[in-house]
Amino acid sequence: MKPSDPKAAPAKAAKKADDDMDDLFGDDDAEPAPKKVEIKKKEKKKVIAMSLVMLEVKPLDSETNLDDLAEKIFTLTQDGLFWKTEFKKEPVAFGIFKLIVGFSCEDEKVSVDGVVERIEALEDMV
């Protein structure tokens, strides 16, 4: 056997380095595989669908006190029903005024038709 040539060892190492440079898609086992990162999703808040409703309430006659009528309407309560704190009086004709009231409601809990029916139930004033 021939003893190994000391000049041949650096030449083999240089040739291997050149091969690595030319192999663009080669596997490189020296780097560890990337760790999978688990991302925790934020819990989204449930969106509550709400409606804003304005109603025109016409009194039974011209003698009906609209301030008292508004107070009675605001006493109608229900879960998910939020009355606006102000009301407005507008003229209709011949000295008769109508009352404009507003409320917001959660669509899943409150029916607008149900609120209108409860206001119409005030038969002595509406």
Protein backbone atom coordinates (compact mmCIF):
# COMPACT_ATOMS: atom_id res chain seq x y z
CA MET A 1 0.00 0.00 0.00
CA LYS A 2 0.98 3.51 -0.65
CA PRO A 3 1.00 6.00 2.12
CA SER A 4 -1.58 8.69 1.62
CA ASP A 5 -0.37 11.74 -0.13
CA PRO A 6 -0.72 14.87 2.08
CA LYS A 7 -1.47 17.00 -1.01
CA ALA A 8 -4.34 14.73 -2.08
CA ALA A 9 -6.38 15.24 1.11
CA PRO A 10 -6.85 19.02 0.65
CA ALA A 11 -7.66 18.47 -3.02
CA LYS A 12 -10.47 16.01 -2.13
CA ALA A 13 -11.90 18.44 0.45
CA ALA A 14 -11.82 21.29 -2.08
CA LYS A 15 -13.53 19.11 -4.69
CA LYS A 16 -16.32 18.20 -2.21
CA ALA A 17 -16.83 21.90 -1.36
CA ASP A 18 -17.12 22.69 -5.08
CA ASP A 19 -19.73 19.95 -5.50
CA ASP A 20 -21.78 21.42 -2.63
CA MET A 21 -21.71 24.86 -4.26
CA ASP A 22 -22.97 23.48 -7.56
CA ASP A 23 -25.78 21.45 -5.97
CA LEU A 24 -28.43 24.15 -5.47
CA PHE A 25 -31.25 21.78 -4.53
CA GLY A 26 -29.24 19.22 -2.64
CA ASP A 27 -30.11 18.05 0.84
CA ASP A 28 -28.18 19.66 3.63
CA ASP A 29 -28.34 17.46 6.67
CA ALA A 30 -26.27 19.86 8.77
CA GLU A 31 -29.27 22.14 9.49
CA PRO A 32 -31.99 20.84 11.82
CA ALA A 33 -35.52 20.59 10.50
CA PRO A 34 -37.64 23.65 11.34
CA LYS A 35 -39.99 23.23 14.29
CA LYS A 36 -43.68 23.51 13.69
CA VAL A 37 -45.11 26.58 15.33
CA GLU A 38 -48.59 26.23 16.76
CA ILE A 39 -50.60 29.40 16.51
CA LYS A 40 -53.45 29.88 18.92
CA LYS A 41 -56.39 31.59 17.31
CA LYS A 42 -58.05 34.33 19.29
CA GLU A 43 -61.60 33.58 20.20
CA LYS A 44 -63.74 35.99 18.24
CA LYS A 45 -66.46 37.80 20.08
CA LYS A 46 -69.90 36.86 18.90
CA VAL A 47 -71.36 39.63 16.79
CA ILE A 48 -74.78 40.71 17.97
CA ALA A 49 -77.02 41.91 15.16
CA MET A 50 -78.91 45.02 16.22
CA SER A 51 -81.46 47.23 14.52
CA LEU A 52 -82.25 50.89 15.04
CA VAL A 53 -85.97 51.59 14.64
CA MET A 54 -87.84 54.90 14.52
CA LEU A 55 -91.61 54.77 15.03
CA GLU A 56 -94.31 57.33 14.34
CA VAL A 57 -96.99 57.01 17.00
CA LYS A 58 -100.23 58.80 16.24
CA PRO A 59 -102.48 59.64 19.20
CA LEU A 60 -106.12 58.63 19.48
CA ASP A 61 -107.28 62.24 19.34
CA SER A 62 -106.04 65.81 19.69
CA GLU A 63 -106.67 65.74 23.47
CA THR A 64 -104.07 63.00 24.12
CA ASN A 65 -101.09 64.23 26.10
CA LEU A 66 -98.02 63.15 24.09
CA ASP A 67 -95.65 63.53 27.05
CA ASP A 68 -97.69 61.00 29.04
CA LEU A 69 -97.88 58.73 26.01
CA ALA A 70 -94.09 58.81 25.62
CA GLU A 71 -93.61 57.91 29.27
CA LYS A 72 -95.95 54.93 28.92
CA ILE A 73 -94.12 53.76 25.81
CA PHE A 74 -90.74 53.99 27.56
CA THR A 75 -92.03 51.75 30.36
CA LEU A 76 -92.43 48.86 27.91
CA THR A 77 -89.33 46.80 28.64
CA GLN A 78 -87.90 43.58 27.32
CA ASP A 79 -84.52 41.86 27.26
CA GLY A 80 -82.61 43.24 24.26
CA LEU A 81 -84.82 46.35 23.86
CA PHE A 82 -83.20 49.74 24.44
CA TRP A 83 -85.33 52.89 24.16
CA LYS A 84 -83.80 56.18 23.11
CA THR A 85 -84.12 58.80 25.82
CA GLU A 86 -85.62 61.52 23.64
CA PHE A 87 -88.79 61.80 21.61
CA LYS A 88 -90.02 64.33 19.10
CA LYS A 89 -93.43 65.84 18.40
CA GLU A 90 -94.31 66.68 14.80
CA PRO A 91 -97.52 68.21 13.45
CA VAL A 92 -99.79 66.02 11.33
CA ALA A 93 -102.82 68.21 10.55
CA PHE A 94 -105.56 70.23 12.20
CA GLY A 95 -103.65 70.70 15.47
CA ILE A 96 -102.86 66.99 15.87
CA PHE A 97 -99.27 66.02 16.53
CA LYS A 98 -97.57 62.66 16.19
CA LEU A 99 -94.89 61.29 18.43
CA ILE A 100 -91.59 60.01 17.02
CA VAL A 101 -89.75 57.55 19.27
CA GLY A 102 -86.75 55.37 18.62
CA PHE A 103 -85.26 52.22 20.00
CA SER A 104 -82.50 49.75 19.22
CA CYS A 105 -83.01 46.05 19.64
CA GLU A 106 -81.12 42.80 19.40
CA ASP A 107 -82.55 41.03 16.37
CA GLU A 108 -82.46 37.55 17.92
CA LYS A 109 -84.31 38.57 21.09
CA VAL A 110 -86.78 41.27 20.03
CA SER A 111 -89.31 41.41 17.22
CA VAL A 112 -90.10 44.89 15.92
CA ASP A 113 -93.64 43.73 15.17
CA GLY A 114 -93.97 42.64 18.79
CA VAL A 115 -92.95 46.08 20.05
CA VAL A 116 -95.41 47.76 17.66
CA GLU A 117 -98.21 45.48 18.88
CA ARG A 118 -97.42 46.36 22.50
CA ILE A 119 -97.61 50.08 21.67
CA GLU A 120 -100.87 49.57 19.79
CA ALA A 121 -102.22 47.79 22.88
CA LEU A 122 -102.34 51.21 24.59
CA GLU A 123 -105.78 51.65 23.03
CA ASP A 124 -106.85 54.51 25.25
CA MET A 125 -104.02 56.69 23.90
CA VAL A 126 -102.96 55.35 20.50
